[in-house]
């Protein structure tokens, strides 16, 4: 009788631990039978579906609450887990909840076994990673914006280099040609000033574009 009482006490403690976990964890925990019907779920999962009492899900399936594409994918994963006996770890998936919300979760699904070690269903744990996914998306958009800005800067410099240097080089070159011809002293002085000013301006522009 004492051994029986100890076993009952141990089982009761295990039940209390499981109940405490399912009632208080923010993660979504589900236990399903071989047909994909809910056996137990965490309170967080029930509330996300829109039910206050987790027992309202017992006997139902994902198809009762979620769009067909998500429910079918979930069922395919469960069948794979039961056939292989191996877990699917940290799968990222987007969920469309019955109230219209969308969120990202990281889900691990594992085989549920009886006391003989036979696979009789599955259980899964999902953690909300929506904030992380949003941060990753923001980082990706910021990277793309920075790359676009760099490309725009490169295009601008290439255009300015051509549009400004080309006419300046023409001015300098033509002035040098005119200086090689017969000129009055005053004309030569004027053109020499033009040449010096053009070369100075070209040097300044080169420094600006390099910077």
N, C-alpha and C. Protein backbone atom coordinates (compact mmCIF):
# COMPACT_ATOMS: atom_id res chain seq x y z
N UNK A 1 0.83 -1.20 0.00
CA UNK A 1 0.00 0.00 0.00
C UNK A 1 0.87 1.25 0.00
N UNK A 2 1.97 1.22 0.78
CA UNK A 2 2.87 2.37 0.85
C UNK A 2 3.47 2.67 -0.51
N UNK A 3 3.92 1.62 -1.22
CA UNK A 3 4.49 1.81 -2.56
C UNK A 3 3.46 2.39 -3.51
N UNK A 4 2.22 1.88 -3.37
CA UNK A 4 1.15 2.38 -4.23
C UNK A 4 0.88 3.86 -3.95
N UNK A 5 0.89 4.22 -2.66
CA UNK A 5 0.66 5.61 -2.29
C UNK A 5 1.79 6.50 -2.81
N UNK A 6 3.03 6.01 -2.72
CA UNK A 6 4.16 6.80 -3.23
C UNK A 6 4.04 7.02 -4.74
N UNK A 7 3.61 5.98 -5.45
CA UNK A 7 3.44 6.10 -6.90
C UNK A 7 2.35 7.11 -7.23
N UNK A 8 1.25 7.04 -6.47
CA UNK A 8 0.17 7.99 -6.69
C UNK A 8 0.65 9.43 -6.41
N UNK A 9 1.44 9.61 -5.38
CA UNK A 9 1.95 10.93 -5.03
C UNK A 9 2.88 11.46 -6.12
N UNK A 10 3.72 10.56 -6.63
CA UNK A 10 4.63 10.97 -7.69
C UNK A 10 3.87 11.36 -8.96
N UNK A 11 2.85 10.54 -9.29
CA UNK A 11 2.04 10.86 -10.47
C UNK A 11 1.29 12.17 -10.27
N UNK A 12 0.80 12.41 -9.08
CA UNK A 12 0.08 13.64 -8.80
C UNK A 12 1.02 14.85 -8.92
N UNK A 13 2.24 14.67 -8.44
CA UNK A 13 3.21 15.76 -8.58
C UNK A 13 3.52 16.04 -10.06
N UNK A 14 3.67 14.98 -10.86
CA UNK A 14 3.92 15.16 -12.29
C UNK A 14 2.76 15.90 -12.95
N UNK A 15 1.52 15.54 -12.56
CA UNK A 15 0.36 16.22 -13.12
C UNK A 15 0.36 17.70 -12.73
N UNK A 16 0.69 17.97 -11.47
CA UNK A 16 0.73 19.36 -11.01
C UNK A 16 1.78 20.17 -11.76
N UNK A 17 2.94 19.56 -11.99
CA UNK A 17 4.00 20.25 -12.73
C UNK A 17 3.55 20.54 -14.16
N UNK A 18 2.93 19.55 -14.82
CA UNK A 18 2.46 19.74 -16.18
C UNK A 18 1.38 20.81 -16.24
N UNK A 19 0.43 20.75 -15.27
CA UNK A 19 -0.64 21.74 -15.24
C UNK A 19 -0.09 23.15 -15.04
N UNK A 20 0.89 23.28 -14.15
CA UNK A 20 1.49 24.60 -13.90
C UNK A 20 2.18 25.12 -15.16
N UNK A 21 2.88 24.22 -15.85
CA UNK A 21 3.56 24.62 -17.08
C UNK A 21 2.55 25.09 -18.14
N UNK A 22 1.51 24.27 -18.37
CA UNK A 22 0.54 24.60 -19.40
C UNK A 22 -0.27 25.85 -19.07
N UNK A 23 -0.44 26.12 -17.79
CA UNK A 23 -1.26 27.27 -17.39
C UNK A 23 -0.49 28.58 -17.43
N UNK A 24 0.83 28.52 -17.29
CA UNK A 24 1.59 29.75 -17.08
C UNK A 24 2.62 30.09 -18.16
N UNK A 25 3.02 29.13 -18.97
CA UNK A 25 4.03 29.44 -19.98
C UNK A 25 3.45 30.34 -21.06
N UNK A 26 4.22 31.31 -21.56
CA UNK A 26 3.75 32.12 -22.68
C UNK A 26 3.88 31.40 -24.02
N UNK A 27 4.57 30.26 -24.01
CA UNK A 27 4.76 29.50 -25.24
C UNK A 27 3.50 28.70 -25.57
N UNK A 28 3.40 28.33 -26.84
CA UNK A 28 2.27 27.53 -27.29
C UNK A 28 2.68 26.05 -27.25
N UNK A 29 2.02 25.28 -26.39
CA UNK A 29 2.31 23.86 -26.24
C UNK A 29 1.06 23.07 -26.58
N UNK A 30 1.22 22.08 -27.45
CA UNK A 30 0.08 21.25 -27.83
C UNK A 30 0.47 19.78 -27.81
N UNK A 31 -0.45 18.93 -27.38
CA UNK A 31 -0.32 17.49 -27.48
C UNK A 31 -1.43 16.99 -28.38
N UNK A 32 -1.09 16.11 -29.34
CA UNK A 32 -2.08 15.62 -30.29
C UNK A 32 -2.00 14.10 -30.40
N UNK A 33 -3.15 13.49 -30.71
CA UNK A 33 -3.15 12.06 -30.93
C UNK A 33 -2.70 11.76 -32.37
N UNK A 34 -2.74 10.51 -32.75
CA UNK A 34 -2.23 10.10 -34.06
C UNK A 34 -3.06 10.68 -35.20
N UNK A 35 -4.29 11.08 -34.92
CA UNK A 35 -5.15 11.67 -35.96
C UNK A 35 -5.08 13.20 -35.99
N UNK A 36 -4.18 13.77 -35.19
CA UNK A 36 -4.03 15.22 -35.19
C UNK A 36 -5.01 15.95 -34.30
N UNK A 37 -5.74 15.20 -33.45
CA UNK A 37 -6.70 15.85 -32.55
C UNK A 37 -5.99 16.29 -31.27
N UNK A 38 -6.39 17.46 -30.76
CA UNK A 38 -5.78 17.99 -29.55
C UNK A 38 -6.13 17.12 -28.34
N UNK A 39 -5.09 16.80 -27.54
CA UNK A 39 -5.28 16.08 -26.28
C UNK A 39 -5.17 17.06 -25.11
N UNK A 40 -4.12 17.87 -25.13
CA UNK A 40 -3.91 18.94 -24.14
C UNK A 40 -3.27 20.11 -24.86
N UNK A 41 -3.56 21.33 -24.40
CA UNK A 41 -2.89 22.51 -24.95
C UNK A 41 -2.61 23.48 -23.82
N UNK A 42 -1.66 24.35 -24.02
CA UNK A 42 -1.37 25.38 -23.03
C UNK A 42 -2.44 26.47 -23.10
N UNK A 43 -2.59 27.18 -21.98
CA UNK A 43 -3.57 28.26 -21.94
C UNK A 43 -3.24 29.34 -22.97
N UNK A 44 -1.95 29.60 -23.17
CA UNK A 44 -1.54 30.63 -24.14
C UNK A 44 -2.01 30.27 -25.54
N UNK A 45 -1.93 28.99 -25.89
CA UNK A 45 -2.37 28.58 -27.22
C UNK A 45 -3.88 28.73 -27.36
N UNK A 46 -4.61 28.33 -26.34
CA UNK A 46 -6.07 28.46 -26.39
C UNK A 46 -6.49 29.92 -26.51
N UNK A 47 -5.86 30.80 -25.74
CA UNK A 47 -6.22 32.21 -25.77
C UNK A 47 -5.89 32.85 -27.12
N UNK A 48 -4.78 32.41 -27.73
CA UNK A 48 -4.44 32.95 -29.05
C UNK A 48 -5.47 32.56 -30.09
N UNK A 49 -6.08 31.39 -29.91
CA UNK A 49 -7.14 30.96 -30.83
C UNK A 49 -8.44 31.68 -30.53
N UNK A 50 -8.58 32.20 -29.30
CA UNK A 50 -9.79 32.92 -28.93
C UNK A 50 -10.64 32.18 -27.93
N UNK A 51 -10.07 31.17 -27.25
CA UNK A 51 -10.81 30.38 -26.27
C UNK A 51 -10.19 30.57 -24.89
N UNK A 52 -11.01 30.79 -23.90
CA UNK A 52 -10.51 30.96 -22.54
C UNK A 52 -10.19 29.63 -21.87
N UNK A 53 -10.93 28.59 -22.22
CA UNK A 53 -10.76 27.28 -21.58
C UNK A 53 -10.02 26.34 -22.53
N UNK A 54 -8.80 25.91 -22.18
CA UNK A 54 -8.04 25.02 -23.05
C UNK A 54 -8.76 23.71 -23.36
N UNK A 55 -9.65 23.29 -22.46
CA UNK A 55 -10.33 22.02 -22.71
C UNK A 55 -11.31 22.10 -23.89
N UNK A 56 -11.64 23.34 -24.32
CA UNK A 56 -12.54 23.50 -25.46
C UNK A 56 -11.89 23.02 -26.76
N UNK A 57 -10.57 22.86 -26.76
CA UNK A 57 -9.88 22.41 -27.97
C UNK A 57 -9.78 20.89 -28.05
N UNK A 58 -10.01 20.21 -26.95
CA UNK A 58 -9.82 18.76 -26.93
C UNK A 58 -10.74 18.09 -27.95
N UNK A 59 -10.14 17.22 -28.76
CA UNK A 59 -10.89 16.51 -29.79
C UNK A 59 -10.96 17.24 -31.12
N UNK A 60 -10.55 18.50 -31.14
CA UNK A 60 -10.56 19.26 -32.39
C UNK A 60 -9.18 19.21 -33.05
N UNK A 61 -9.10 19.72 -34.28
CA UNK A 61 -7.85 19.73 -35.02
C UNK A 61 -7.54 21.15 -35.49
N UNK A 62 -6.34 21.32 -36.05
CA UNK A 62 -5.97 22.63 -36.59
C UNK A 62 -6.94 23.10 -37.65
N UNK A 63 -7.52 22.16 -38.41
CA UNK A 63 -8.44 22.52 -39.48
C UNK A 63 -9.69 23.22 -38.96
N UNK A 64 -10.00 23.06 -37.67
CA UNK A 64 -11.17 23.71 -37.09
C UNK A 64 -10.94 25.18 -36.82
N UNK A 65 -9.66 25.63 -36.85
CA UNK A 65 -9.37 27.01 -36.45
C UNK A 65 -8.51 27.78 -37.46
N UNK A 66 -7.74 27.07 -38.27
CA UNK A 66 -6.76 27.74 -39.13
C UNK A 66 -7.08 27.53 -40.61
N UNK A 67 -6.52 28.38 -41.48
CA UNK A 67 -6.72 28.22 -42.93
C UNK A 67 -6.21 26.86 -43.40
N UNK A 68 -6.77 26.34 -44.48
CA UNK A 68 -6.41 25.00 -44.95
C UNK A 68 -4.92 24.83 -45.23
N UNK A 69 -4.27 25.85 -45.80
CA UNK A 69 -2.86 25.68 -46.14
C UNK A 69 -2.01 25.47 -44.90
N UNK A 70 -2.30 26.23 -43.82
CA UNK A 70 -1.54 26.05 -42.59
C UNK A 70 -1.88 24.72 -41.93
N UNK A 71 -3.16 24.38 -41.87
CA UNK A 71 -3.57 23.12 -41.23
C UNK A 71 -2.98 21.92 -41.96
N UNK A 72 -2.97 21.96 -43.30
CA UNK A 72 -2.42 20.85 -44.08
C UNK A 72 -0.92 20.72 -43.85
N UNK A 73 -0.23 21.86 -43.81
CA UNK A 73 1.22 21.82 -43.57
C UNK A 73 1.52 21.26 -42.18
N UNK A 74 0.74 21.66 -41.18
CA UNK A 74 0.94 21.16 -39.83
C UNK A 74 0.72 19.65 -39.77
N UNK A 75 -0.32 19.19 -40.47
CA UNK A 75 -0.61 17.75 -40.47
C UNK A 75 0.49 16.97 -41.18
N UNK A 76 1.02 17.49 -42.28
CA UNK A 76 2.12 16.83 -42.98
C UNK A 76 3.34 16.70 -42.07
N UNK A 77 3.63 17.76 -41.30
CA UNK A 77 4.75 17.71 -40.36
C UNK A 77 4.53 16.62 -39.30
N UNK A 78 3.31 16.54 -38.79
CA UNK A 78 3.01 15.54 -37.76
C UNK A 78 3.17 14.12 -38.31
N UNK A 79 2.70 13.90 -39.50
CA UNK A 79 2.83 12.57 -40.11
C UNK A 79 4.30 12.22 -40.32
N UNK A 80 5.10 13.21 -40.73
CA UNK A 80 6.53 12.97 -40.91
C UNK A 80 7.20 12.61 -39.58
N UNK A 81 6.83 13.33 -38.53
CA UNK A 81 7.40 13.06 -37.21
C UNK A 81 7.02 11.67 -36.73
N UNK A 82 5.76 11.28 -36.92
CA UNK A 82 5.32 9.97 -36.46
C UNK A 82 5.95 8.84 -37.28
N UNK A 83 6.11 9.06 -38.58
CA UNK A 83 6.73 8.01 -39.41
C UNK A 83 8.21 7.84 -39.10
N UNK A 84 8.92 8.94 -38.92
CA UNK A 84 10.37 8.88 -38.72
C UNK A 84 10.76 8.67 -37.27
N UNK A 85 9.88 9.10 -36.35
CA UNK A 85 10.23 9.03 -34.94
C UNK A 85 11.24 10.09 -34.53
N UNK A 86 11.48 11.06 -35.42
CA UNK A 86 12.45 12.12 -35.14
C UNK A 86 11.75 13.47 -35.07
N UNK A 87 12.36 14.37 -34.29
CA UNK A 87 11.77 15.69 -34.08
C UNK A 87 12.09 16.63 -35.24
N UNK A 88 11.20 17.59 -35.45
CA UNK A 88 11.46 18.73 -36.32
C UNK A 88 11.75 19.92 -35.41
N UNK A 89 12.95 20.47 -35.51
CA UNK A 89 13.40 21.44 -34.52
C UNK A 89 13.47 22.85 -35.11
N UNK A 90 12.92 23.80 -34.37
CA UNK A 90 13.05 25.24 -34.66
C UNK A 90 12.64 25.60 -36.08
N UNK A 91 11.49 25.10 -36.50
CA UNK A 91 10.94 25.50 -37.80
C UNK A 91 10.27 26.87 -37.67
N UNK A 92 10.62 27.79 -38.55
CA UNK A 92 10.00 29.10 -38.52
C UNK A 92 8.79 29.10 -39.46
N UNK A 93 7.66 29.54 -38.93
CA UNK A 93 6.44 29.55 -39.72
C UNK A 93 5.56 30.73 -39.33
N UNK A 94 4.81 31.22 -40.30
CA UNK A 94 3.90 32.32 -40.05
C UNK A 94 2.49 31.78 -39.84
N UNK A 95 1.82 32.32 -38.81
CA UNK A 95 0.49 31.85 -38.45
C UNK A 95 -0.52 32.96 -38.64
N UNK A 96 -1.64 32.62 -39.29
CA UNK A 96 -2.78 33.54 -39.39
C UNK A 96 -3.80 33.08 -38.34
N UNK A 97 -3.94 33.84 -37.26
CA UNK A 97 -4.82 33.45 -36.16
C UNK A 97 -6.28 33.74 -36.53
N UNK A 98 -7.21 33.08 -35.86
CA UNK A 98 -8.64 33.26 -36.19
C UNK A 98 -9.13 34.70 -36.08
N UNK A 99 -8.48 35.53 -35.22
CA UNK A 99 -8.93 36.92 -35.07
C UNK A 99 -8.31 37.85 -36.11
N UNK A 100 -7.56 37.29 -37.05
CA UNK A 100 -6.98 38.12 -38.11
C UNK A 100 -5.53 38.51 -37.88
N UNK A 101 -5.00 38.24 -36.68
CA UNK A 101 -3.60 38.56 -36.42
C UNK A 101 -2.67 37.63 -37.20
N UNK A 102 -1.47 38.12 -37.48
CA UNK A 102 -0.43 37.30 -38.07
C UNK A 102 0.81 37.38 -37.19
N UNK A 103 1.43 36.26 -36.96
CA UNK A 103 2.65 36.26 -36.16
C UNK A 103 3.60 35.18 -36.67
N UNK A 104 4.85 35.33 -36.29
CA UNK A 104 5.88 34.34 -36.62
C UNK A 104 6.21 33.54 -35.36
N UNK A 105 6.38 32.23 -35.53
CA UNK A 105 6.76 31.38 -34.40
C UNK A 105 7.88 30.45 -34.81
N UNK A 106 8.66 30.05 -33.83
CA UNK A 106 9.66 29.00 -34.02
C UNK A 106 9.13 27.75 -33.33
N UNK A 107 8.91 26.70 -34.12
CA UNK A 107 8.20 25.52 -33.62
C UNK A 107 9.09 24.28 -33.64
N UNK A 108 9.01 23.52 -32.56
CA UNK A 108 9.64 22.19 -32.49
C UNK A 108 8.53 21.16 -32.29
N UNK A 109 8.53 20.14 -33.15
CA UNK A 109 7.54 19.07 -33.05
C UNK A 109 8.26 17.75 -32.82
N UNK A 110 7.73 16.93 -31.91
CA UNK A 110 8.39 15.68 -31.53
C UNK A 110 7.36 14.57 -31.40
N UNK A 111 7.81 13.32 -31.53
CA UNK A 111 6.87 12.20 -31.39
C UNK A 111 6.41 12.03 -29.94
N UNK A 112 5.14 11.71 -29.77
CA UNK A 112 4.58 11.42 -28.45
C UNK A 112 4.47 9.90 -28.32
N UNK A 113 5.10 9.35 -27.29
CA UNK A 113 5.16 7.89 -27.13
C UNK A 113 4.41 7.46 -25.88
N UNK A 114 3.87 6.22 -25.91
CA UNK A 114 3.23 5.65 -24.73
C UNK A 114 4.28 4.95 -23.86
N UNK A 115 3.84 4.28 -22.82
CA UNK A 115 4.79 3.67 -21.88
C UNK A 115 5.57 2.52 -22.51
N UNK A 116 5.09 2.01 -23.66
CA UNK A 116 5.83 0.94 -24.36
C UNK A 116 6.79 1.50 -25.40
N UNK A 117 6.84 2.83 -25.52
CA UNK A 117 7.73 3.43 -26.49
C UNK A 117 7.14 3.56 -27.87
N UNK A 118 5.86 3.24 -28.03
CA UNK A 118 5.21 3.33 -29.33
C UNK A 118 4.76 4.77 -29.59
N UNK A 119 4.91 5.21 -30.83
CA UNK A 119 4.49 6.56 -31.19
C UNK A 119 2.96 6.58 -31.31
N UNK A 120 2.34 7.41 -30.49
CA UNK A 120 0.87 7.48 -30.47
C UNK A 120 0.36 8.89 -30.81
N UNK A 121 1.26 9.78 -31.18
CA UNK A 121 0.86 11.15 -31.52
C UNK A 121 2.07 12.05 -31.60
N UNK A 122 1.84 13.32 -31.41
CA UNK A 122 2.92 14.31 -31.45
C UNK A 122 2.70 15.35 -30.36
N UNK A 123 3.74 16.07 -30.03
CA UNK A 123 3.58 17.28 -29.23
C UNK A 123 4.49 18.35 -29.81
N UNK A 124 4.07 19.59 -29.64
CA UNK A 124 4.82 20.70 -30.21
C UNK A 124 4.92 21.87 -29.27
N UNK A 125 6.01 22.62 -29.39
CA UNK A 125 6.23 23.84 -28.62
C UNK A 125 6.57 24.95 -29.60
N UNK A 126 5.82 26.04 -29.54
CA UNK A 126 6.05 27.18 -30.44
C UNK A 126 6.33 28.42 -29.61
N UNK A 127 7.35 29.15 -30.02
CA UNK A 127 7.71 30.41 -29.35
C UNK A 127 7.55 31.57 -30.32
N UNK A 128 6.92 32.63 -29.86
CA UNK A 128 6.69 33.79 -30.73
C UNK A 128 8.00 34.50 -31.03
N UNK A 129 8.28 34.69 -32.31
CA UNK A 129 9.51 35.37 -32.74
C UNK A 129 9.16 36.55 -33.65
N UNK A 130 7.94 37.07 -33.50
CA UNK A 130 7.49 38.15 -34.38
C UNK A 130 8.41 39.36 -34.28
N UNK A 131 8.77 39.76 -33.08
CA UNK A 131 9.63 40.94 -32.90
C UNK A 131 10.99 40.72 -33.56
N UNK A 132 11.52 39.51 -33.43
CA UNK A 132 12.82 39.23 -34.06
C UNK A 132 12.72 39.30 -35.57
N UNK A 133 11.62 38.75 -36.13
CA UNK A 133 11.44 38.78 -37.57
C UNK A 133 11.27 40.22 -38.06
N UNK A 134 10.57 41.04 -37.29
CA UNK A 134 10.41 42.44 -37.67
C UNK A 134 11.75 43.16 -37.64
N UNK A 135 12.56 42.85 -36.62
CA UNK A 135 13.89 43.47 -36.55
C UNK A 135 14.75 43.04 -37.73
N UNK A 136 14.67 41.76 -38.10
CA UNK A 136 15.43 41.27 -39.25
C UNK A 136 14.96 41.95 -40.53
N UNK A 137 13.65 42.14 -40.67
CA UNK A 137 13.11 42.79 -41.85
C UNK A 137 13.57 44.26 -41.91
N UNK A 138 13.53 44.93 -40.74
CA UNK A 138 13.98 46.32 -40.69
C UNK A 138 15.47 46.42 -41.04
N UNK A 139 16.25 45.45 -40.54
CA UNK A 139 17.67 45.44 -40.85
C UNK A 139 17.90 45.21 -42.35
N UNK A 140 17.12 44.31 -42.93
CA UNK A 140 17.26 44.04 -44.35
C UNK A 140 16.90 45.28 -45.18
N UNK A 141 15.80 45.96 -44.78
CA UNK A 141 15.40 47.15 -45.51
C UNK A 141 16.44 48.26 -45.37
N UNK A 142 17.03 48.37 -44.15
CA UNK A 142 18.07 49.39 -43.95
C UNK A 142 19.30 49.09 -44.79
N UNK A 143 19.64 47.81 -44.90
CA UNK A 143 20.79 47.42 -45.73
C UNK A 143 20.53 47.73 -47.19
N UNK A 144 19.32 47.42 -47.66
CA UNK A 144 18.97 47.70 -49.05
C UNK A 144 18.98 49.21 -49.31
N UNK A 145 18.48 49.98 -48.33
CA UNK A 145 18.48 51.44 -48.49
C UNK A 145 19.91 51.98 -48.55
N UNK A 146 20.80 51.43 -47.69
CA UNK A 146 22.20 51.87 -47.69
C UNK A 146 22.87 51.52 -49.02
N UNK A 147 22.58 50.31 -49.52
CA UNK A 147 23.15 49.91 -50.81
C UNK A 147 22.64 50.79 -51.93
N UNK A 148 21.35 51.14 -51.88
CA UNK A 148 20.78 52.02 -52.91
C UNK A 148 21.41 53.41 -52.83
N UNK A 149 21.63 53.89 -51.58
CA UNK A 149 22.26 55.20 -51.41
C UNK A 149 23.69 55.19 -51.95
N UNK A 150 24.41 54.11 -51.68
CA UNK A 150 25.78 54.00 -52.19
C UNK A 150 25.80 53.97 -53.72
N UNK A 151 24.83 53.26 -54.30
CA UNK A 151 24.76 53.20 -55.75
C UNK A 151 24.42 54.56 -56.34
N UNK A 152 23.48 55.27 -55.67
CA UNK A 152 23.12 56.61 -56.13
C UNK A 152 24.32 57.55 -56.05
N UNK A 153 25.09 57.42 -54.96
CA UNK A 153 26.30 58.25 -54.82
C UNK A 153 27.30 57.94 -55.92
N UNK A 154 27.48 56.66 -56.21
CA UNK A 154 28.42 56.27 -57.27
C UNK A 154 27.96 56.80 -58.62
N UNK A 155 26.64 56.70 -58.89
CA UNK A 155 26.11 57.21 -60.15
C UNK A 155 26.29 58.72 -60.25
N UNK A 156 26.04 59.41 -59.12
CA UNK A 156 26.19 60.86 -59.10
C UNK A 156 27.63 61.27 -59.38
N UNK A 157 28.57 60.60 -58.72
CA UNK A 157 29.98 60.94 -58.92
C UNK A 157 30.42 60.67 -60.35
N UNK A 158 29.93 59.53 -60.89
CA UNK A 158 30.30 59.21 -62.27
C UNK A 158 29.76 60.27 -63.23
N UNK A 159 28.51 60.71 -63.01
CA UNK A 159 27.92 61.72 -63.88
C UNK A 159 28.61 63.08 -63.73
N UNK A 160 28.86 63.46 -62.47
CA UNK A 160 29.52 64.74 -62.23
C UNK A 160 30.94 64.74 -62.79
N UNK A 161 31.60 63.62 -62.64
CA UNK A 161 32.96 63.52 -63.16
C UNK A 161 32.97 63.78 -64.66
N UNK A 162 32.00 63.23 -65.34
CA UNK A 162 31.95 63.40 -66.79
C UNK A 162 31.42 64.78 -67.17
N UNK A 163 30.30 65.19 -66.54
CA UNK A 163 29.63 66.42 -66.94
C UNK A 163 30.43 67.67 -66.59
N UNK A 164 31.25 67.63 -65.54
CA UNK A 164 32.02 68.81 -65.16
C UNK A 164 33.43 68.78 -65.75
N UNK A 165 34.10 67.66 -65.66
CA UNK A 165 35.48 67.59 -66.12
C UNK A 165 35.59 67.74 -67.64
N UNK A 166 34.61 67.14 -68.36
CA UNK A 166 34.70 67.18 -69.83
C UNK A 166 34.71 68.61 -70.37
N UNK A 167 33.74 69.47 -70.02
CA UNK A 167 33.80 70.85 -70.54
C UNK A 167 35.01 71.64 -70.02
N UNK A 168 35.41 71.37 -68.77
CA UNK A 168 36.58 72.08 -68.24
C UNK A 168 37.84 71.70 -69.01
N UNK A 169 37.98 70.42 -69.29
CA UNK A 169 39.15 69.99 -70.07
C UNK A 169 39.13 70.60 -71.46
N UNK A 170 37.90 70.75 -72.02
CA UNK A 170 37.79 71.39 -73.33
C UNK A 170 38.22 72.85 -73.26
N UNK A 171 37.78 73.54 -72.22
CA UNK A 171 38.17 74.94 -72.04
C UNK A 171 39.68 75.08 -71.92
N UNK A 172 40.29 74.23 -71.09
CA UNK A 172 41.74 74.29 -70.89
C UNK A 172 42.47 73.96 -72.19
N UNK A 173 42.00 72.89 -72.85
CA UNK A 173 42.67 72.47 -74.08
C UNK A 173 42.59 73.53 -75.17
N UNK A 174 41.41 74.11 -75.38
CA UNK A 174 41.24 75.13 -76.41
C UNK A 174 42.01 76.39 -76.07
N UNK A 175 42.07 76.74 -74.79
CA UNK A 175 42.85 77.92 -74.39
C UNK A 175 44.33 77.72 -74.69
N UNK A 176 44.82 76.50 -74.40
CA UNK A 176 46.23 76.22 -74.72
C UNK A 176 46.49 76.33 -76.22
N UNK A 177 45.54 75.86 -77.05
CA UNK A 177 45.71 75.96 -78.51
C UNK A 177 45.74 77.42 -78.95
N UNK A 178 44.87 78.23 -78.40
CA UNK A 178 44.84 79.65 -78.76
C UNK A 178 46.13 80.35 -78.31
N UNK A 179 46.66 79.96 -77.16
CA UNK A 179 47.90 80.55 -76.66
C UNK A 179 49.09 80.23 -77.56
N UNK A 180 48.98 79.15 -78.31
CA UNK A 180 50.07 78.79 -79.23
C UNK A 180 50.02 79.62 -80.52
N UNK A 181 48.98 80.43 -80.69
CA UNK A 181 48.85 81.24 -81.91
C UNK A 181 49.37 82.66 -81.67
N UNK A 182 49.37 83.48 -82.76
CA UNK A 182 49.81 84.88 -82.65
C UNK A 182 48.75 85.68 -81.90
N UNK A 183 49.15 86.30 -80.78
CA UNK A 183 48.21 87.06 -79.96
C UNK A 183 48.85 88.38 -79.53
N UNK A 184 48.00 89.33 -79.31
CA UNK A 184 48.46 90.58 -78.72
C UNK A 184 48.79 90.32 -77.25
N UNK A 185 49.72 91.08 -76.68
CA UNK A 185 50.10 90.86 -75.28
C UNK A 185 48.91 90.85 -74.32
N UNK A 186 47.98 91.76 -74.51
CA UNK A 186 46.82 91.82 -73.61
C UNK A 186 45.96 90.56 -73.75
N UNK A 187 45.76 90.12 -75.01
CA UNK A 187 44.98 88.90 -75.24
C UNK A 187 45.65 87.68 -74.59
N UNK A 188 46.98 87.60 -74.75
CA UNK A 188 47.72 86.49 -74.15
C UNK A 188 47.59 86.51 -72.63
N UNK A 189 47.63 87.70 -72.05
CA UNK A 189 47.50 87.82 -70.60
C UNK A 189 46.11 87.35 -70.15
N UNK A 190 45.10 87.77 -70.89
CA UNK A 190 43.74 87.35 -70.55
C UNK A 190 43.59 85.82 -70.64
N UNK A 191 44.08 85.26 -71.74
CA UNK A 191 43.94 83.81 -71.94
C UNK A 191 44.75 83.02 -70.93
N UNK A 192 45.91 83.56 -70.54
CA UNK A 192 46.71 82.88 -69.51
C UNK A 192 45.96 82.83 -68.18
N UNK A 193 45.23 83.92 -67.91
CA UNK A 193 44.40 83.95 -66.70
C UNK A 193 43.28 82.91 -66.79
N UNK A 194 42.67 82.81 -68.00
CA UNK A 194 41.64 81.80 -68.19
C UNK A 194 42.21 80.41 -67.98
N UNK A 195 43.39 80.13 -68.53
CA UNK A 195 44.01 78.81 -68.39
C UNK A 195 44.33 78.49 -66.94
N UNK A 196 44.92 79.46 -66.25
CA UNK A 196 45.28 79.24 -64.84
C UNK A 196 44.02 79.01 -63.99
N UNK A 197 42.99 79.82 -64.25
CA UNK A 197 41.74 79.67 -63.49
C UNK A 197 41.08 78.32 -63.78
N UNK A 198 41.09 77.90 -65.05
CA UNK A 198 40.50 76.60 -65.41
C UNK A 198 41.22 75.44 -64.75
N UNK A 199 42.56 75.49 -64.75
CA UNK A 199 43.34 74.42 -64.11
C UNK A 199 43.11 74.39 -62.61
N UNK A 200 43.01 75.60 -61.99
CA UNK A 200 42.73 75.67 -60.54
C UNK A 200 41.35 75.09 -60.23
N UNK A 201 40.35 75.48 -61.05
CA UNK A 201 38.99 74.96 -60.84
C UNK A 201 38.94 73.45 -61.02
N UNK A 202 39.66 72.93 -62.03
CA UNK A 202 39.68 71.48 -62.25
C UNK A 202 40.30 70.76 -61.06
N UNK A 203 41.35 71.34 -60.48
CA UNK A 203 41.97 70.73 -59.29
C UNK A 203 41.02 70.69 -58.11
N UNK A 204 40.27 71.79 -57.91
CA UNK A 204 39.31 71.83 -56.80
C UNK A 204 38.21 70.79 -57.00
N UNK A 205 37.69 70.70 -58.24
CA UNK A 205 36.64 69.73 -58.53
C UNK A 205 37.15 68.30 -58.33
N UNK A 206 38.38 68.04 -58.75
CA UNK A 206 38.95 66.69 -58.54
C UNK A 206 39.00 66.34 -57.05
N UNK A 207 39.41 67.33 -56.24
CA UNK A 207 39.48 67.08 -54.79
C UNK A 207 38.09 66.82 -54.20
N UNK A 208 37.10 67.60 -54.65
CA UNK A 208 35.73 67.42 -54.14
C UNK A 208 35.19 66.05 -54.52
N UNK A 209 35.37 65.66 -55.77
CA UNK A 209 34.85 64.37 -56.22
C UNK A 209 35.59 63.22 -55.53
N UNK A 210 36.89 63.38 -55.32
CA UNK A 210 37.64 62.34 -54.61
C UNK A 210 37.16 62.21 -53.17
N UNK A 211 36.89 63.35 -52.56
CA UNK A 211 36.42 63.34 -51.17
C UNK A 211 35.04 62.66 -51.08
